[in-house]
């Protein structure tokens, strides 16, 4: 028989992502709708260990749906990775009479929630919040769409100066293990080349491609590089290689960095976060646990946390082909 849920906690952990606040708002207001108490946990799992809880009601989350970052703050907790740390967290939530947990974050967040569930049989539900879109069980993670819009806007601005000075720009975007951001913004921004971890273009082919672009009449070029691309040790090594092997190119590097995580969430991310929050709370109330909510075929679905963590997202091969055709 599943545990009766009377009080839920919500936390954000790992890297922040636009839409996290909208998800917090949705969790809190869904709890209010079902007459369930809700507390926010400050600083992720670190706050869970310290018992840093804040009672939240429908009015306490007003005006945050349009805010980037997370009002609950986020932190990575080394202590929660130990059994002793997790024991402290369990004692704190037991003392506070908390019956379930909604964890918003990425694979590290979900790993912590899954282990916590296994050790203490404590109900948990995950909401995927990471701009990299690298979680199995959803076509979109919170923050991905917003990050795409942020990066495309930056690329558009950089192209203006690239065209004005006949320059080649290497633009690094986030994507340590996957190239979803790079591939999408590369197409949307009209990049001549897109370098992603899943496809090893190779330095020689990169130079060949850039030479081909110049011979076709292009006087400036944009190359979008995912931070996890394996061609060079880093984007600056790519610049040096092109400087040494191609004449006539004025090469510049722009690393967009953490600006990609910030900013007001897009309409898509706000709606997605709202749907995910409702699904997470209501799934816990139905007695389900150890799942992640996700968007599959336009519907909210549940995926076991273990599958979400251990699975590997696949790059869209159609987009790769579109990219090749558009860069001609």
C-alpha atoms as a PDB file:
ATOM      1  CA  UNK A   1       0.000   0.000   0.000  1.00  0.00           C
ATOM      2  CA  UNK A   2       1.462   3.362  -1.065  1.00  0.00           C
ATOM      3  CA  UNK A   3       2.186   6.053   1.460  1.00  0.00           C
ATOM      4  CA  UNK A   4      -0.414   8.807   1.878  1.00  0.00           C
ATOM      5  CA  UNK A   5       1.111  12.111   0.773  1.00  0.00           C
ATOM      6  CA  UNK A   6       0.237  15.088   2.964  1.00  0.00           C
ATOM      7  CA  UNK A   7       3.353  17.209   2.611  1.00  0.00           C
ATOM      8  CA  UNK A   8       5.818  17.546  -0.270  1.00  0.00           C
ATOM      9  CA  UNK A   9       9.223  19.176  -0.628  1.00  0.00           C
ATOM     10  CA  UNK A  10      10.686  20.642  -3.806  1.00  0.00           C
ATOM     11  CA  UNK A  11      14.336  21.425  -4.558  1.00  0.00           C
ATOM     12  CA  UNK A  12      16.556  22.492  -7.431  1.00  0.00           C
ATOM     13  CA  UNK A  13      20.021  21.019  -7.823  1.00  0.00           C
ATOM     14  CA  UNK A  14      22.980  21.142 -10.193  1.00  0.00           C
ATOM     15  CA  UNK A  15      23.315  23.814 -12.856  1.00  0.00           C
ATOM     16  CA  UNK A  16      20.466  26.300 -13.041  1.00  0.00           C
ATOM     17  CA  UNK A  17      18.228  26.422 -16.105  1.00  0.00           C
ATOM     18  CA  UNK A  18      15.547  28.850 -17.289  1.00  0.00           C
ATOM     19  CA  UNK A  19      12.174  27.378 -16.348  1.00  0.00           C
ATOM     20  CA  UNK A  20      13.189  26.094 -12.923  1.00  0.00           C
ATOM     21  CA  UNK A  21      11.242  28.870 -11.217  1.00  0.00           C
ATOM     22  CA  UNK A  22       8.215  28.123 -13.362  1.00  0.00           C
ATOM     23  CA  UNK A  23       8.490  24.460 -12.305  1.00  0.00           C
ATOM     24  CA  UNK A  24       8.757  25.431  -8.611  1.00  0.00           C
ATOM     25  CA  UNK A  25       5.659  27.590  -9.043  1.00  0.00           C
ATOM     26  CA  UNK A  26       3.786  24.723 -10.668  1.00  0.00           C
ATOM     27  CA  UNK A  27       4.710  22.243  -7.918  1.00  0.00           C
ATOM     28  CA  UNK A  28       3.682  24.668  -5.165  1.00  0.00           C
ATOM     29  CA  UNK A  29       0.379  25.599  -6.771  1.00  0.00           C
ATOM     30  CA  UNK A  30      -0.509  22.011  -7.634  1.00  0.00           C
ATOM     31  CA  UNK A  31       0.042  21.136  -3.981  1.00  0.00           C
ATOM     32  CA  UNK A  32      -2.229  24.036  -2.986  1.00  0.00           C
ATOM     33  CA  UNK A  33      -4.860  22.862  -5.475  1.00  0.00           C
ATOM     34  CA  UNK A  34      -4.870  19.394  -3.875  1.00  0.00           C
ATOM     35  CA  UNK A  35      -4.695  20.763  -0.317  1.00  0.00           C
ATOM     36  CA  UNK A  36      -1.191  19.376   0.196  1.00  0.00           C
ATOM     37  CA  UNK A  37       1.432  21.246   2.210  1.00  0.00           C
ATOM     38  CA  UNK A  38       4.568  22.233   0.333  1.00  0.00           C
ATOM     39  CA  UNK A  39       8.029  23.306   1.468  1.00  0.00           C
ATOM     40  CA  UNK A  40      10.890  24.610  -0.613  1.00  0.00           C
ATOM     41  CA  UNK A  41      14.370  23.288   0.114  1.00  0.00           C
ATOM     42  CA  UNK A  42      17.123  25.884  -0.125  1.00  0.00           C
ATOM     43  CA  UNK A  43      20.430  25.004  -1.874  1.00  0.00           C
ATOM     44  CA  UNK A  44      19.451  21.582  -3.178  1.00  0.00           C
ATOM     45  CA  UNK A  45      20.599  18.474  -1.322  1.00  0.00           C
ATOM     46  CA  UNK A  46      22.814  20.611   0.904  1.00  0.00           C
ATOM     47  CA  UNK A  47      19.681  22.268   2.247  1.00  0.00           C
ATOM     48  CA  UNK A  48      18.029  18.882   2.645  1.00  0.00           C
ATOM     49  CA  UNK A  49      20.861  17.840   4.978  1.00  0.00           C
ATOM     50  CA  UNK A  50      20.716  21.127   6.912  1.00  0.00           C
ATOM     51  CA  UNK A  51      16.932  21.127   7.178  1.00  0.00           C
ATOM     52  CA  UNK A  52      16.815  24.475   5.374  1.00  0.00           C
ATOM     53  CA  UNK A  53      13.105  24.356   4.573  1.00  0.00           C
ATOM     54  CA  UNK A  54      10.701  27.163   3.725  1.00  0.00           C
ATOM     55  CA  UNK A  55       6.914  26.770   3.805  1.00  0.00           C
ATOM     56  CA  UNK A  56       5.456  27.796   0.433  1.00  0.00           C
ATOM     57  CA  UNK A  57       1.904  28.538  -0.632  1.00  0.00           C
ATOM     58  CA  UNK A  58       0.239  29.710  -3.834  1.00  0.00           C
ATOM     59  CA  UNK A  59       1.014  33.365  -3.136  1.00  0.00           C
ATOM     60  CA  UNK A  60       4.678  32.773  -2.253  1.00  0.00           C
ATOM     61  CA  UNK A  61       5.472  31.908  -5.881  1.00  0.00           C
ATOM     62  CA  UNK A  62       3.780  34.879  -7.535  1.00  0.00           C
ATOM     63  CA  UNK A  63       5.819  36.786 -10.062  1.00  0.00           C
ATOM     64  CA  UNK A  64       8.464  34.113 -10.642  1.00  0.00           C
ATOM     65  CA  UNK A  65       7.238  32.336 -13.802  1.00  0.00           C
ATOM     66  CA  UNK A  66       9.169  34.845 -15.923  1.00  0.00           C
ATOM     67  CA  UNK A  67      12.379  34.745 -13.870  1.00  0.00           C
ATOM     68  CA  UNK A  68      15.530  32.871 -14.832  1.00  0.00           C
ATOM     69  CA  UNK A  69      17.653  30.969 -12.308  1.00  0.00           C
ATOM     70  CA  UNK A  70      16.024  29.464  -9.213  1.00  0.00           C
ATOM     71  CA  UNK A  71      14.599  31.198  -6.131  1.00  0.00           C
ATOM     72  CA  UNK A  72      15.471  28.099  -4.098  1.00  0.00           C
ATOM     73  CA  UNK A  73      19.141  28.417  -5.067  1.00  0.00           C
ATOM     74  CA  UNK A  74      21.221  25.477  -6.219  1.00  0.00           C
ATOM     75  CA  UNK A  75      24.370  23.804  -4.925  1.00  0.00           C
ATOM     76  CA  UNK A  76      26.292  20.599  -5.455  1.00  0.00           C
ATOM     77  CA  UNK A  77      26.543  18.619  -2.229  1.00  0.00           C
ATOM     78  CA  UNK A  78      29.563  16.404  -1.605  1.00  0.00           C
ATOM     79  CA  UNK A  79      28.077  15.333   1.729  1.00  0.00           C
ATOM     80  CA  UNK A  80      24.891  13.997   0.133  1.00  0.00           C
ATOM     81  CA  UNK A  81      27.042  11.603  -1.888  1.00  0.00           C
ATOM     82  CA  UNK A  82      27.866   9.820   1.370  1.00  0.00           C
ATOM     83  CA  UNK A  83      25.496   7.499   3.207  1.00  0.00           C
ATOM     84  CA  UNK A  84      26.003   9.540   6.373  1.00  0.00           C
ATOM     85  CA  UNK A  85      24.923  12.695   4.557  1.00  0.00           C
ATOM     86  CA  UNK A  86      21.828  11.045   3.149  1.00  0.00           C
ATOM     87  CA  UNK A  87      20.985   9.697   6.621  1.00  0.00           C
ATOM     88  CA  UNK A  88      21.089  13.263   7.969  1.00  0.00           C
ATOM     89  CA  UNK A  89      18.801  14.390   5.151  1.00  0.00           C
ATOM     90  CA  UNK A  90      16.321  11.602   5.908  1.00  0.00           C
ATOM     91  CA  UNK A  91      16.264  12.515   9.572  1.00  0.00           C
ATOM     92  CA  UNK A  92      15.575  16.145   8.682  1.00  0.00           C
ATOM     93  CA  UNK A  93      12.689  15.421   6.341  1.00  0.00           C
ATOM     94  CA  UNK A  94      11.246  12.885   8.782  1.00  0.00           C
ATOM     95  CA  UNK A  95      11.381  15.484  11.538  1.00  0.00           C
ATOM     96  CA  UNK A  96       9.580  17.945   9.245  1.00  0.00           C
ATOM     97  CA  UNK A  97       6.906  15.316   8.405  1.00  0.00           C
ATOM     98  CA  UNK A  98       7.680  15.502   4.689  1.00  0.00           C
ATOM     99  CA  UNK A  99       6.190  12.599   2.711  1.00  0.00           C
ATOM    100  CA  UNK A 100       7.686  13.060  -0.756  1.00  0.00           C
ATOM    101  CA  UNK A 101      10.229  14.986  -2.797  1.00  0.00           C
ATOM    102  CA  UNK A 102      10.208  16.647  -6.225  1.00  0.00           C
ATOM    103  CA  UNK A 103      13.781  17.128  -7.471  1.00  0.00           C
ATOM    104  CA  UNK A 104      14.413  19.509 -10.364  1.00  0.00           C
ATOM    105  CA  UNK A 105      17.749  19.107 -12.132  1.00  0.00           C
ATOM    106  CA  UNK A 106      19.846  16.846 -14.331  1.00  0.00           C
ATOM    107  CA  UNK A 107      21.424  13.391 -14.137  1.00  0.00           C
ATOM    108  CA  UNK A 108      23.374  14.146 -10.945  1.00  0.00           C
ATOM    109  CA  UNK A 109      20.194  15.353  -9.247  1.00  0.00           C
ATOM    110  CA  UNK A 110      18.329  12.259 -10.372  1.00  0.00           C
ATOM    111  CA  UNK A 111      21.119   9.940  -9.233  1.00  0.00           C
ATOM    112  CA  UNK A 112      20.881  11.421  -5.730  1.00  0.00           C
ATOM    113  CA  UNK A 113      17.088  11.088  -5.711  1.00  0.00           C
ATOM    114  CA  UNK A 114      17.219   7.491  -6.928  1.00  0.00           C
ATOM    115  CA  UNK A 115      19.740   6.410  -4.291  1.00  0.00           C
ATOM    116  CA  UNK A 116      17.751   8.231  -1.596  1.00  0.00           C
ATOM    117  CA  UNK A 117      14.640   6.348  -2.691  1.00  0.00           C
ATOM    118  CA  UNK A 118      16.448   3.004  -2.637  1.00  0.00           C
ATOM    119  CA  UNK A 119      17.960   3.517   0.815  1.00  0.00           C
ATOM    120  CA  UNK A 120      14.930   4.915   2.624  1.00  0.00           C
ATOM    121  CA  UNK A 121      11.973   3.884   0.442  1.00  0.00           C
ATOM    122  CA  UNK A 122      11.161   7.576   0.221  1.00  0.00           C
ATOM    123  CA  UNK A 123       8.871   8.774  -2.618  1.00  0.00           C
ATOM    124  CA  UNK A 124      10.702  10.893  -5.198  1.00  0.00           C
ATOM    125  CA  UNK A 125       9.865  12.373  -8.576  1.00  0.00           C
ATOM    126  CA  UNK A 126      12.230  14.134 -10.991  1.00  0.00           C
ATOM    127  CA  UNK A 127      11.714  17.106 -13.288  1.00  0.00           C
ATOM    128  CA  UNK A 128      14.477  17.485 -15.929  1.00  0.00           C
ATOM    129  CA  UNK A 129      16.058  20.932 -15.784  1.00  0.00           C
ATOM    130  CA  UNK A 130      19.219  21.289 -17.869  1.00  0.00           C
ATOM    131  CA  UNK A 131      19.920  23.368 -20.981  1.00  0.00           C
ATOM    132  CA  UNK A 132      21.975  20.564 -22.600  1.00  0.00           C
ATOM    133  CA  UNK A 133      18.836  18.465 -23.306  1.00  0.00           C
ATOM    134  CA  UNK A 134      20.868  15.359 -22.442  1.00  0.00           C
ATOM    135  CA  UNK A 135      18.265  13.389 -20.457  1.00  0.00           C
ATOM    136  CA  UNK A 136      16.515  10.310 -21.885  1.00  0.00           C
ATOM    137  CA  UNK A 137      12.736  10.256 -21.490  1.00  0.00           C
ATOM    138  CA  UNK A 138      11.851  13.707 -22.776  1.00  0.00           C
ATOM    139  CA  UNK A 139      12.218  15.507 -26.089  1.00  0.00           C
ATOM    140  CA  UNK A 140      12.877  18.758 -24.233  1.00  0.00           C
ATOM    141  CA  UNK A 141      14.432  19.450 -20.850  1.00  0.00           C
ATOM    142  CA  UNK A 142      13.636  22.703 -19.040  1.00  0.00           C
ATOM    143  CA  UNK A 143      15.845  25.515 -20.280  1.00  0.00           C
ATOM    144  CA  UNK A 144      16.812  23.956 -23.616  1.00  0.00           C
ATOM    145  CA  UNK A 145      14.449  26.056 -25.724  1.00  0.00           C
ATOM    146  CA  UNK A 146      15.396  29.265 -23.906  1.00  0.00           C
ATOM    147  CA  UNK A 147      19.098  28.541 -24.322  1.00  0.00           C
ATOM    148  CA  UNK A 148      18.607  28.015 -28.060  1.00  0.00           C
ATOM    149  CA  UNK A 149      16.938  31.411 -28.386  1.00  0.00           C
ATOM    150  CA  UNK A 150      19.668  33.084 -26.319  1.00  0.00           C
ATOM    151  CA  UNK A 151      22.454  31.581 -28.428  1.00  0.00           C
ATOM    152  CA  UNK A 152      20.794  32.335 -31.768  1.00  0.00           C
ATOM    153  CA  UNK A 153      20.426  35.958 -30.728  1.00  0.00           C
ATOM    154  CA  UNK A 154      24.154  36.072 -29.894  1.00  0.00           C
ATOM    155  CA  UNK A 155      25.111  34.428 -33.194  1.00  0.00           C
ATOM    156  CA  UNK A 156      23.027  36.938 -35.135  1.00  0.00           C
ATOM    157  CA  UNK A 157      24.934  39.774 -33.481  1.00  0.00           C
ATOM    158  CA  UNK A 158      28.318  38.147 -34.069  1.00  0.00           C
ATOM    159  CA  UNK A 159      27.484  37.567 -37.739  1.00  0.00           C
ATOM    160  CA  UNK A 160      26.951  41.310 -38.165  1.00  0.00           C
ATOM    161  CA  UNK A 161      30.545  42.017 -37.165  1.00  0.00           C
ATOM    162  CA  UNK A 162      31.889  38.936 -38.988  1.00  0.00           C
ATOM    163  CA  UNK A 163      30.349  40.195 -42.232  1.00  0.00           C
ATOM    164  CA  UNK A 164      31.572  43.743 -41.656  1.00  0.00           C
ATOM    165  CA  UNK A 165      35.199  42.666 -41.258  1.00  0.00           C
ATOM    166  CA  UNK A 166      35.308  39.503 -43.419  1.00  0.00           C
ATOM    167  CA  UNK A 167      36.111  37.407 -40.371  1.00  0.00           C
ATOM    168  CA  UNK A 168      35.857  33.763 -39.397  1.00  0.00           C
ATOM    169  CA  UNK A 169      34.294  33.289 -35.961  1.00  0.00           C
ATOM    170  CA  UNK A 170      34.512  30.141 -33.856  1.00  0.00           C
ATOM    171  CA  UNK A 171      31.591  30.312 -31.397  1.00  0.00           C
ATOM    172  CA  UNK A 172      31.644  27.871 -28.472  1.00  0.00           C
ATOM    173  CA  UNK A 173      28.320  26.830 -26.967  1.00  0.00           C
ATOM    174  CA  UNK A 174      27.503  24.532 -24.070  1.00  0.00           C
ATOM    175  CA  UNK A 175      27.318  20.800 -24.651  1.00  0.00           C
ATOM    176  CA  UNK A 176      29.970  18.819 -22.790  1.00  0.00           C
ATOM    177  CA  UNK A 177      28.707  15.397 -23.900  1.00  0.00           C
ATOM    178  CA  UNK A 178      26.038  16.158 -26.492  1.00  0.00           C
ATOM    179  CA  UNK A 179      25.650  18.552 -29.405  1.00  0.00           C
ATOM    180  CA  UNK A 180      21.930  19.327 -29.294  1.00  0.00           C
ATOM    181  CA  UNK A 181      22.455  23.048 -28.676  1.00  0.00           C
ATOM    182  CA  UNK A 182      25.212  23.400 -31.271  1.00  0.00           C
ATOM    183  CA  UNK A 183      23.333  21.520 -33.981  1.00  0.00           C
ATOM    184  CA  UNK A 184      20.097  23.453 -33.586  1.00  0.00           C
ATOM    185  CA  UNK A 185      21.604  26.924 -33.228  1.00  0.00           C
ATOM    186  CA  UNK A 186      24.083  26.204 -35.998  1.00  0.00           C
ATOM    187  CA  UNK A 187      21.256  25.618 -38.449  1.00  0.00           C
ATOM    188  CA  UNK A 188      19.170  28.507 -37.119  1.00  0.00           C
ATOM    189  CA  UNK A 189      22.166  30.869 -37.168  1.00  0.00           C
ATOM    190  CA  UNK A 190      23.313  29.892 -40.657  1.00  0.00           C
ATOM    191  CA  UNK A 191      26.659  28.453 -39.543  1.00  0.00           C
ATOM    192  CA  UNK A 192      29.045  27.185 -42.215  1.00  0.00           C
ATOM    193  CA  UNK A 193      30.158  24.326 -39.953  1.00  0.00           C
ATOM    194  CA  UNK A 194      28.880  22.725 -36.743  1.00  0.00           C
ATOM    195  CA  UNK A 195      31.265  20.734 -34.545  1.00  0.00           C
ATOM    196  CA  UNK A 196      29.678  18.323 -32.042  1.00  0.00           C
ATOM    197  CA  UNK A 197      30.957  15.465 -29.838  1.00  0.00           C
ATOM    198  CA  UNK A 198      28.896  12.866 -31.721  1.00  0.00           C
ATOM    199  CA  UNK A 199      30.553  13.553 -35.093  1.00  0.00           C
ATOM    200  CA  UNK A 200      34.326  13.760 -35.530  1.00  0.00           C
ATOM    201  CA  UNK A 201      34.698  16.169 -38.450  1.00  0.00           C
ATOM    202  CA  UNK A 202      38.484  16.235 -38.273  1.00  0.00           C
ATOM    203  CA  UNK A 203      40.797  19.197 -38.704  1.00  0.00           C
ATOM    204  CA  UNK A 204      41.602  18.500 -42.359  1.00  0.00           C
ATOM    205  CA  UNK A 205      37.932  18.301 -43.314  1.00  0.00           C
ATOM    206  CA  UNK A 206      37.231  21.489 -41.378  1.00  0.00           C
ATOM    207  CA  UNK A 207      39.898  23.362 -43.364  1.00  0.00           C
ATOM    208  CA  UNK A 208      38.625  21.810 -46.589  1.00  0.00           C
ATOM    209  CA  UNK A 209      35.095  22.941 -45.788  1.00  0.00           C
ATOM    210  CA  UNK A 210      36.183  26.487 -44.982  1.00  0.00           C
ATOM    211  CA  UNK A 211      38.204  26.680 -48.214  1.00  0.00           C
ATOM    212  CA  UNK A 212      35.186  25.476 -50.147  1.00  0.00           C
ATOM    213  CA  UNK A 213      33.028  28.141 -48.537  1.00  0.00           C
ATOM    214  CA  UNK A 214      35.516  30.852 -49.475  1.00  0.00           C
ATOM    215  CA  UNK A 215      35.771  29.636 -53.075  1.00  0.00           C
ATOM    216  CA  UNK A 216      31.980  29.741 -53.330  1.00  0.00           C
ATOM    217  CA  UNK A 217      32.099  33.468 -52.598  1.00  0.00           C
ATOM    218  CA  UNK A 218      31.672  33.636 -48.848  1.00  0.00           C
ATOM    219  CA  UNK A 219      33.819  36.322 -47.290  1.00  0.00           C
ATOM    220  CA  UNK A 220      32.944  35.549 -43.665  1.00  0.00           C
ATOM    221  CA  UNK A 221      32.074  32.367 -41.816  1.00  0.00           C
ATOM    222  CA  UNK A 222      30.587  31.160 -38.564  1.00  0.00           C
ATOM    223  CA  UNK A 223      31.624  27.834 -37.023  1.00  0.00           C
ATOM    224  CA  UNK A 224      29.567  26.693 -34.020  1.00  0.00           C
ATOM    225  CA  UNK A 225      31.496  24.425 -31.645  1.00  0.00           C
ATOM    226  CA  UNK A 226      30.009  22.368 -28.806  1.00  0.00           C
ATOM    227  CA  UNK A 227      32.326  22.570 -25.789  1.00  0.00           C
ATOM    228  CA  UNK A 228      32.682  18.763 -25.808  1.00  0.00           C
ATOM    229  CA  UNK A 229      33.788  18.544 -29.450  1.00  0.00           C
ATOM    230  CA  UNK A 230      36.823  16.280 -29.767  1.00  0.00           C
ATOM    231  CA  UNK A 231      38.606  17.807 -32.783  1.00  0.00           C
ATOM    232  CA  UNK A 232      40.959  19.975 -30.761  1.00  0.00           C
ATOM    233  CA  UNK A 233      41.863  20.219 -27.108  1.00  0.00           C
ATOM    234  CA  UNK A 234      39.828  23.423 -27.019  1.00  0.00           C
ATOM    235  CA  UNK A 235      38.373  26.062 -29.303  1.00  0.00           C
ATOM    236  CA  UNK A 236      41.532  28.164 -29.138  1.00  0.00           C
ATOM    237  CA  UNK A 237      43.550  25.266 -30.552  1.00  0.00           C
ATOM    238  CA  UNK A 238      41.128  25.190 -33.483  1.00  0.00           C
ATOM    239  CA  UNK A 239      41.752  28.879 -34.065  1.00  0.00           C
ATOM    240  CA  UNK A 240      45.532  28.356 -33.999  1.00  0.00           C
ATOM    241  CA  UNK A 241      45.278  25.469 -36.449  1.00  0.00           C
ATOM    242  CA  UNK A 242      43.265  27.523 -38.940  1.00  0.00           C
ATOM    243  CA  UNK A 243      45.654  30.479 -38.525  1.00  0.00           C
ATOM    244  CA  UNK A 244      48.573  28.185 -39.385  1.00  0.00           C
ATOM    245  CA  UNK A 245      46.940  26.319 -42.270  1.00  0.00           C
ATOM    246  CA  UNK A 246      44.764  28.906 -44.006  1.00  0.00           C
ATOM    247  CA  UNK A 247      45.813  32.241 -45.430  1.00  0.00           C
ATOM    248  CA  UNK A 248      43.576  35.251 -45.627  1.00  0.00           C
ATOM    249  CA  UNK A 249      41.289  34.461 -42.714  1.00  0.00           C
ATOM    250  CA  UNK A 250      41.018  36.865 -39.790  1.00  0.00           C
ATOM    251  CA  UNK A 251      39.989  34.388 -37.058  1.00  0.00           C
ATOM    252  CA  UNK A 252      38.196  35.271 -33.841  1.00  0.00           C
ATOM    253  CA  UNK A 253      36.841  33.198 -30.942  1.00  0.00           C
ATOM    254  CA  UNK A 254      33.722  33.841 -28.884  1.00  0.00           C
ATOM    255  CA  UNK A 255      32.936  31.621 -25.885  1.00  0.00           C
ATOM    256  CA  UNK A 256      29.326  32.263 -24.880  1.00  0.00           C
ATOM    257  CA  UNK A 257      29.691  30.477 -21.536  1.00  0.00           C
ATOM    258  CA  UNK A 258      27.179  30.861 -18.746  1.00  0.00           C
ATOM    259  CA  UNK A 259      25.125  33.566 -20.457  1.00  0.00           C
ATOM    260  CA  UNK A 260      23.376  30.603 -22.097  1.00  0.00           C
ATOM    261  CA  UNK A 261      21.897  29.553 -18.737  1.00  0.00           C
ATOM    262  CA  UNK A 262      20.431  32.912 -17.831  1.00  0.00           C
ATOM    263  CA  UNK A 263      17.533  35.044 -18.931  1.00  0.00           C
ATOM    264  CA  UNK A 264      13.757  34.870 -18.821  1.00  0.00           C
ATOM    265  CA  UNK A 265      12.406  31.467 -19.903  1.00  0.00           C
ATOM    266  CA  UNK A 266      10.702  31.232 -23.276  1.00  0.00           C
ATOM    267  CA  UNK A 267       6.950  30.671 -23.610  1.00  0.00           C
ATOM    268  CA  UNK A 268       7.678  27.032 -24.459  1.00  0.00           C
ATOM    269  CA  UNK A 269       9.741  26.500 -21.291  1.00  0.00           C
ATOM    270  CA  UNK A 270       7.135  28.216 -19.104  1.00  0.00           C
ATOM    271  CA  UNK A 271       4.359  25.989 -20.410  1.00  0.00           C
ATOM    272  CA  UNK A 272       6.556  22.880 -20.235  1.00  0.00           C
ATOM    273  CA  UNK A 273       7.542  23.637 -16.631  1.00  0.00           C
ATOM    274  CA  UNK A 274       3.915  24.164 -15.658  1.00  0.00           C
ATOM    275  CA  UNK A 275       2.895  20.834 -17.181  1.00  0.00           C
ATOM    276  CA  UNK A 276       5.817  18.986 -15.611  1.00  0.00           C
ATOM    277  CA  UNK A 277       5.103  20.353 -12.137  1.00  0.00           C
ATOM    278  CA  UNK A 278       1.471  19.240 -12.263  1.00  0.00           C
ATOM    279  CA  UNK A 279       2.436  15.790 -13.536  1.00  0.00           C
ATOM    280  CA  UNK A 280       5.151  15.347 -10.883  1.00  0.00           C
ATOM    281  CA  UNK A 281       2.901  16.187  -7.926  1.00  0.00           C
ATOM    282  CA  UNK A 282      -0.115  14.259  -9.151  1.00  0.00           C
ATOM    283  CA  UNK A 283       2.036  11.198  -9.928  1.00  0.00           C
ATOM    284  CA  UNK A 284       3.321  11.189  -6.337  1.00  0.00           C
ATOM    285  CA  UNK A 285      -0.247  11.523  -5.059  1.00  0.00           C
ATOM    286  CA  UNK A 286      -1.164   8.486  -7.185  1.00  0.00           C
ATOM    287  CA  UNK A 287       1.497   6.455  -5.377  1.00  0.00           C
ATOM    288  CA  UNK A 288       4.132   6.511  -8.124  1.00  0.00           C
ATOM    289  CA  UNK A 289       7.773   7.054  -7.233  1.00  0.00           C
ATOM    290  CA  UNK A 290      11.308   6.946  -8.622  1.00  0.00           C
ATOM    291  CA  UNK A 291      10.283   8.397 -11.997  1.00  0.00           C
ATOM    292  CA  UNK A 292      11.085  11.439 -14.093  1.00  0.00           C
ATOM    293  CA  UNK A 293       8.356  13.364 -15.877  1.00  0.00           C
ATOM    294  CA  UNK A 294       9.030  14.163 -19.510  1.00  0.00           C
ATOM    295  CA  UNK A 295       7.548  15.311 -22.800  1.00  0.00           C
ATOM    296  CA  UNK A 296       7.091  12.483 -25.302  1.00  0.00           C
ATOM    297  CA  UNK A 297       4.920  12.882 -28.416  1.00  0.00           C
ATOM    298  CA  UNK A 298       3.460  16.082 -26.933  1.00  0.00           C
ATOM    299  CA  UNK A 299       2.246  14.230 -23.817  1.00  0.00           C
ATOM    300  CA  UNK A 300       3.532  14.112 -20.243  1.00  0.00           C
ATOM    301  CA  UNK A 301       4.978  10.657 -19.591  1.00  0.00           C
ATOM    302  CA  UNK A 302       6.932   8.946 -16.808  1.00  0.00           C
ATOM    303  CA  UNK A 303      10.369   7.374 -17.267  1.00  0.00           C
ATOM    304  CA  UNK A 304      12.169   5.392 -14.514  1.00  0.00           C
ATOM    305  CA  UNK A 305      14.969   7.515 -13.038  1.00  0.00           C
ATOM    306  CA  UNK A 306      17.508   4.784 -13.718  1.00  0.00           C
ATOM    307  CA  UNK A 307      16.681   4.797 -17.432  1.00  0.00           C
ATOM    308  CA  UNK A 308      16.780   8.596 -17.555  1.00  0.00           C
ATOM    309  CA  UNK A 309      20.222   8.592 -15.922  1.00  0.00           C
ATOM    310  CA  UNK A 310      21.864   5.715 -17.771  1.00  0.00           C
ATOM    311  CA  UNK A 311      20.323   6.275 -21.184  1.00  0.00           C
ATOM    312  CA  UNK A 312      22.103   8.248 -23.896  1.00  0.00           C
ATOM    313  CA  UNK A 313      20.294  10.761 -26.057  1.00  0.00           C
ATOM    314  CA  UNK A 314      20.772  10.503 -29.821  1.00  0.00           C
ATOM    315  CA  UNK A 315      21.556  13.313 -32.171  1.00  0.00           C
ATOM    316  CA  UNK A 316      18.955  14.053 -34.851  1.00  0.00           C
ATOM    317  CA  UNK A 317      20.486  12.702 -38.061  1.00  0.00           C
ATOM    318  CA  UNK A 318      18.023  14.636 -40.190  1.00  0.00           C
ATOM    319  CA  UNK A 319      19.358  17.874 -38.705  1.00  0.00           C
ATOM    320  CA  UNK A 320      22.900  16.813 -39.590  1.00  0.00           C
ATOM    321  CA  UNK A 321      21.860  16.391 -43.234  1.00  0.00           C
ATOM    322  CA  UNK A 322      19.959  19.681 -43.221  1.00  0.00           C
ATOM    323  CA  UNK A 323      23.081  21.358 -41.868  1.00  0.00           C
ATOM    324  CA  UNK A 324      25.228  19.957 -44.690  1.00  0.00           C
ATOM    325  CA  UNK A 325      22.766  21.144 -47.332  1.00  0.00           C
ATOM    326  CA  UNK A 326      22.301  24.619 -45.847  1.00  0.00           C
ATOM    327  CA  UNK A 327      26.040  25.300 -45.583  1.00  0.00           C
ATOM    328  CA  UNK A 328      26.664  24.905 -49.303  1.00  0.00           C
END
